[in-house]
Amino acid sequence: MSNIRTRVGLKIKQLREKKGWSQEQLGFEADLHRAYIGHVERGEKNLGIVNLEKICNALGIDMAEIFRK
């Protein structure tokens, strides 16, 4: 079983790609650095709740969507 950081990062990546956005575009929309988005998507960063909210708002989704399978 993969860890929560990896699962959340993969979900964010899937949702970003569904919108046709680059990591840079998501970073711009969420007011976060594109490198940070990359780290999150690869499960390398422990994503804080505030930044998760920024990403969800940028993607136009409810935060609960990140945790749905």
Protein backbone atom coordinates (compact mmCIF):
# COMPACT_ATOMS: atom_id res chain seq x y z
CA MET A 1 0.00 0.00 0.00
CA SER A 2 1.38 3.38 -0.98
CA ASN A 3 1.62 6.20 1.53
CA ILE A 4 -0.85 9.06 1.76
CA ARG A 5 1.59 11.61 0.27
CA THR A 6 2.01 9.48 -2.85
CA ARG A 7 -1.73 8.88 -3.24
CA VAL A 8 -2.62 12.55 -2.77
CA GLY A 9 0.15 13.64 -5.13
CA LEU A 10 -1.03 11.24 -7.81
CA LYS A 11 -4.62 12.46 -7.46
CA ILE A 12 -3.50 16.09 -7.80
CA LYS A 13 -1.48 15.17 -10.89
CA GLN A 14 -4.46 13.37 -12.45
CA LEU A 15 -6.77 16.32 -11.80
CA ARG A 16 -4.19 18.79 -13.13
CA GLU A 17 -3.66 16.77 -16.31
CA LYS A 18 -7.43 16.45 -16.77
CA LYS A 19 -7.53 20.26 -16.98
CA GLY A 20 -4.65 20.22 -19.46
CA TRP A 21 -2.47 22.26 -17.14
CA SER A 22 1.26 22.11 -16.63
CA GLN A 23 2.75 22.13 -13.14
CA GLU A 24 3.67 25.73 -13.81
CA GLN A 25 0.04 26.64 -14.59
CA LEU A 26 -1.26 24.94 -11.44
CA GLY A 27 1.43 26.67 -9.41
CA PHE A 28 0.41 30.02 -10.86
CA GLU A 29 -3.29 29.42 -10.21
CA ALA A 30 -2.61 28.21 -6.64
CA ASP A 31 0.04 30.89 -5.90
CA LEU A 32 2.64 28.17 -5.28
CA HIS A 33 5.98 27.52 -6.97
CA ARG A 34 5.91 25.01 -9.84
CA ALA A 35 8.76 23.05 -8.24
CA TYR A 36 6.66 22.68 -5.09
CA ILE A 37 3.81 21.27 -7.19
CA GLY A 38 6.22 18.74 -8.66
CA HIS A 39 7.42 17.69 -5.21
CA VAL A 40 3.84 17.29 -4.02
CA GLU A 41 2.83 15.25 -7.06
CA ARG A 42 5.78 12.90 -6.53
CA GLY A 43 4.96 12.51 -2.83
CA GLU A 44 8.20 14.17 -1.77
CA LYS A 45 6.64 16.98 0.26
CA ASN A 46 4.39 16.77 3.28
CA LEU A 47 1.51 18.90 1.99
CA GLY A 48 0.05 21.31 4.53
CA ILE A 49 -3.68 21.92 4.78
CA VAL A 50 -3.41 25.56 3.65
CA ASN A 51 -1.51 24.62 0.49
CA LEU A 52 -3.89 21.72 -0.15
CA GLU A 53 -6.75 24.20 0.00
CA LYS A 54 -4.95 26.51 -2.47
CA ILE A 55 -4.46 23.61 -4.90
CA CYS A 56 -8.06 22.46 -4.57
CA ASN A 57 -9.37 25.99 -5.10
CA ALA A 58 -7.17 26.37 -8.18
CA LEU A 59 -8.46 23.05 -9.56
CA GLY A 60 -12.04 24.07 -8.74
CA ILE A 61 -12.72 21.03 -6.57
CA ASP A 62 -13.84 20.31 -3.04
CA MET A 63 -10.99 19.18 -0.80
CA ALA A 64 -12.78 15.86 -0.18
CA GLU A 65 -12.29 15.00 -3.88
CA ILE A 66 -8.57 14.54 -3.25
CA PHE A 67 -9.30 11.67 -0.88
CA ARG A 68 -11.85 9.85 -3.04
CA LYS A 69 -10.68 6.76 -4.89
